[in-house]
Protein backbone atom coordinates (compact mmCIF):
# COMPACT_ATOMS: atom_id res chain seq x y z
CA UNK A 1 8.14 -66.92 22.28
CA UNK A 2 9.33 -65.04 19.20
CA UNK A 3 5.79 -63.83 18.53
CA UNK A 4 5.55 -62.44 22.05
CA UNK A 5 8.83 -60.54 21.58
CA UNK A 6 7.69 -59.11 18.25
CA UNK A 7 4.32 -58.01 19.65
CA UNK A 8 6.05 -56.53 22.70
CA UNK A 9 8.53 -54.60 20.56
CA UNK A 10 5.80 -53.25 18.28
CA UNK A 11 3.63 -52.28 21.25
CA UNK A 12 6.45 -50.42 23.01
CA UNK A 13 7.34 -48.59 19.78
CA UNK A 14 3.71 -47.50 19.32
CA UNK A 15 3.30 -46.44 22.96
CA UNK A 16 6.63 -44.56 22.87
CA UNK A 17 5.67 -42.71 19.70
CA UNK A 18 2.25 -41.82 21.11
CA UNK A 19 3.79 -40.55 24.39
CA UNK A 20 6.25 -38.39 22.42
CA UNK A 21 3.45 -37.01 20.28
CA UNK A 22 1.28 -36.29 23.32
CA UNK A 23 4.21 -34.55 25.02
CA UNK A 24 4.71 -32.28 21.99
CA UNK A 25 1.04 -31.27 22.03
CA UNK A 26 1.21 -30.68 25.78
CA UNK A 27 4.27 -28.45 25.37
CA UNK A 28 2.56 -26.52 22.57
CA UNK A 29 -0.46 -25.92 24.86
CA UNK A 30 1.87 -24.79 27.67
CA UNK A 31 3.65 -22.36 25.34
CA UNK A 32 0.32 -20.94 24.18
CA UNK A 33 -0.95 -20.43 27.74
CA UNK A 34 2.32 -18.97 29.04
CA UNK A 35 2.45 -16.47 26.19
CA UNK A 36 -1.12 -15.31 26.72
CA UNK A 37 -0.47 -14.93 30.45
CA UNK A 38 2.63 -12.84 29.79
CA UNK A 39 2.45 -9.06 30.19
CA UNK A 40 4.21 -8.78 26.82
CA UNK A 41 3.07 -11.71 24.67
CA UNK A 42 4.86 -10.58 21.49
CA UNK A 43 8.35 -9.21 20.83
CA UNK A 44 7.65 -8.16 17.25
CA UNK A 45 4.55 -6.03 17.75
CA UNK A 46 2.88 -5.40 14.41
CA UNK A 47 -0.20 -6.28 12.43
CA UNK A 48 1.86 -6.07 9.23
CA UNK A 49 3.18 -9.42 8.01
CA UNK A 50 5.94 -7.57 6.13
CA UNK A 51 7.24 -6.32 9.49
CA UNK A 52 6.82 -9.52 11.51
CA UNK A 53 8.31 -12.00 9.02
CA UNK A 54 11.65 -10.14 8.61
CA UNK A 55 11.95 -9.82 12.40
CA UNK A 56 12.64 -13.57 12.55
CA UNK A 57 15.58 -13.43 10.09
CA UNK A 58 18.77 -14.45 11.86
CA UNK A 59 16.83 -15.57 14.94
CA UNK A 60 15.61 -18.92 13.56
CA UNK A 61 17.34 -21.21 11.05
CA UNK A 62 14.54 -21.24 8.47
CA UNK A 63 12.14 -18.96 6.63
CA UNK A 64 8.38 -19.20 6.31
CA UNK A 65 5.59 -17.24 4.70
CA UNK A 66 2.73 -15.45 6.44
CA UNK A 67 -0.73 -15.40 4.90
CA UNK A 68 -2.37 -12.30 3.53
CA UNK A 69 -5.25 -11.62 5.91
CA UNK A 70 -7.12 -9.13 3.73
CA UNK A 71 -10.83 -9.94 3.56
CA UNK A 72 -10.55 -12.31 6.52
CA UNK A 73 -11.66 -12.12 10.13
CA UNK A 74 -8.11 -12.65 11.41
CA UNK A 75 -5.62 -10.06 12.51
CA UNK A 76 -1.95 -10.60 13.26
CA UNK A 77 -0.92 -9.29 16.67
CA UNK A 78 2.79 -10.07 16.30
CA UNK A 79 5.37 -12.74 16.94
CA UNK A 80 8.09 -13.99 19.21
CA UNK A 81 10.79 -16.62 19.36
CA UNK A 82 10.00 -19.88 21.09
CA UNK A 83 11.57 -23.28 21.69
CA UNK A 84 10.18 -26.79 21.42
CA UNK A 85 12.39 -29.74 22.36
CA UNK A 86 15.21 -27.18 22.68
CA UNK A 87 14.84 -26.20 19.01
CA UNK A 88 14.10 -22.59 17.97
CA UNK A 89 10.90 -21.70 16.23
CA UNK A 90 8.47 -18.91 15.47
CA UNK A 91 5.38 -18.17 17.54
CA UNK A 92 2.78 -15.98 15.84
CA UNK A 93 -0.32 -14.71 17.57
CA UNK A 94 -3.55 -14.00 15.74
CA UNK A 95 -6.86 -12.61 16.90
CA UNK A 96 -10.30 -13.67 15.70
CA UNK A 97 -13.41 -12.31 17.40
CA UNK A 98 -11.54 -11.66 20.70
CA UNK A 99 -10.01 -15.16 20.71
CA UNK A 100 -6.26 -15.66 20.38
CA UNK A 101 -4.78 -18.35 18.19
CA UNK A 102 -1.10 -19.23 18.38
CA UNK A 103 0.62 -20.54 15.29
CA UNK A 104 3.96 -22.22 15.94
CA UNK A 105 6.45 -23.01 13.18
CA UNK A 106 9.42 -25.38 13.59
CA UNK A 107 11.72 -27.32 11.31
CA UNK A 108 10.19 -30.77 10.89
CA UNK A 109 13.53 -32.56 11.03
CA UNK A 110 14.46 -30.96 14.35
CA UNK A 111 11.52 -32.49 16.24
CA UNK A 112 12.24 -35.78 17.95
CA UNK A 113 8.59 -36.83 18.08
CA UNK A 114 7.35 -38.00 14.71
CA UNK A 115 4.08 -36.35 13.81
CA UNK A 116 2.16 -37.33 10.77
CA UNK A 117 0.01 -35.24 8.46
CA UNK A 118 -3.18 -36.25 10.20
CA UNK A 119 -1.79 -36.37 13.74
CA UNK A 120 -4.71 -36.08 16.08
CA UNK A 121 -4.31 -33.91 19.14
CA UNK A 122 -4.76 -35.58 22.51
CA UNK A 123 -8.30 -35.44 23.85
CA UNK A 124 -7.16 -34.11 27.25
CA UNK A 125 -6.21 -30.65 25.93
CA UNK A 126 -8.60 -27.80 26.60
CA UNK A 127 -7.77 -26.24 23.23
CA UNK A 128 -8.40 -27.12 19.63
CA UNK A 129 -5.16 -27.90 17.81
CA UNK A 130 -4.34 -28.47 14.18
CA UNK A 131 -0.94 -29.52 12.91
CA UNK A 132 0.42 -29.98 9.42
CA UNK A 133 3.72 -30.29 7.63
CA UNK A 134 4.63 -28.28 4.57
CA UNK A 135 7.93 -27.46 2.93
CA UNK A 136 9.98 -29.15 5.65
CA UNK A 137 8.27 -27.14 8.38
CA UNK A 138 5.86 -28.33 11.08
CA UNK A 139 3.01 -25.95 11.92
CA UNK A 140 0.76 -26.02 14.98
CA UNK A 141 -2.32 -23.81 15.34
CA UNK A 142 -3.84 -23.80 18.83
CA UNK A 143 -6.35 -21.66 20.66
CA UNK A 144 -9.65 -21.37 22.44
CA UNK A 145 -11.37 -20.25 19.25
CA UNK A 146 -13.68 -22.79 17.70
CA UNK A 147 -12.23 -25.58 15.59
CA UNK A 148 -13.54 -24.02 12.36
CA UNK A 149 -11.64 -20.76 13.04
CA UNK A 150 -8.43 -22.67 13.69
CA UNK A 151 -8.96 -24.76 10.56
CA UNK A 152 -9.61 -21.64 8.45
CA UNK A 153 -6.44 -19.96 9.70
CA UNK A 154 -4.49 -23.16 8.96
CA UNK A 155 -5.90 -23.13 5.42
CA UNK A 156 -4.73 -19.53 4.96
CA UNK A 157 -1.22 -20.64 5.94
CA UNK A 158 -1.30 -23.66 3.63
CA UNK A 159 -2.40 -21.49 0.73
CA UNK A 160 0.23 -18.83 1.40
CA UNK A 161 3.01 -21.45 1.45
CA UNK A 162 1.94 -22.86 -1.90
CA UNK A 163 2.16 -19.40 -3.47
CA UNK A 164 5.87 -18.90 -2.70
């Protein structure tokens, strides 16, 4: 009887964590789609990271670094405020070969769903997603660009954060 209770408790914990994780990815996909469907997808309109990054000061409770895109195929279109699980974050939009990639940045500790370094995105999304944690922040890169383009943009972010 005790074994059944232990297995049941572990199973419900795993299923609950997976549902929370899947919900976060679903919300990220919804935010990406809603932004791209908007007539004004960015509030801070600029291709200059030195203009976009300061725009977030005082609007979100954390700071982050933007990668230098020189000699890359990516261009920054701008940024806007967003919310995930009622917590404020940054939403940056990049362009690569006429595809848009959203990069979301939130404080890791503010997210209820626990995501791990190698959290896999749910298979039912129509977008490629990559997520990682660095410096107490949780990043999500999502778009209809190919997985390699999303991975390369994520690597640019990871490198820029390590250079602070």
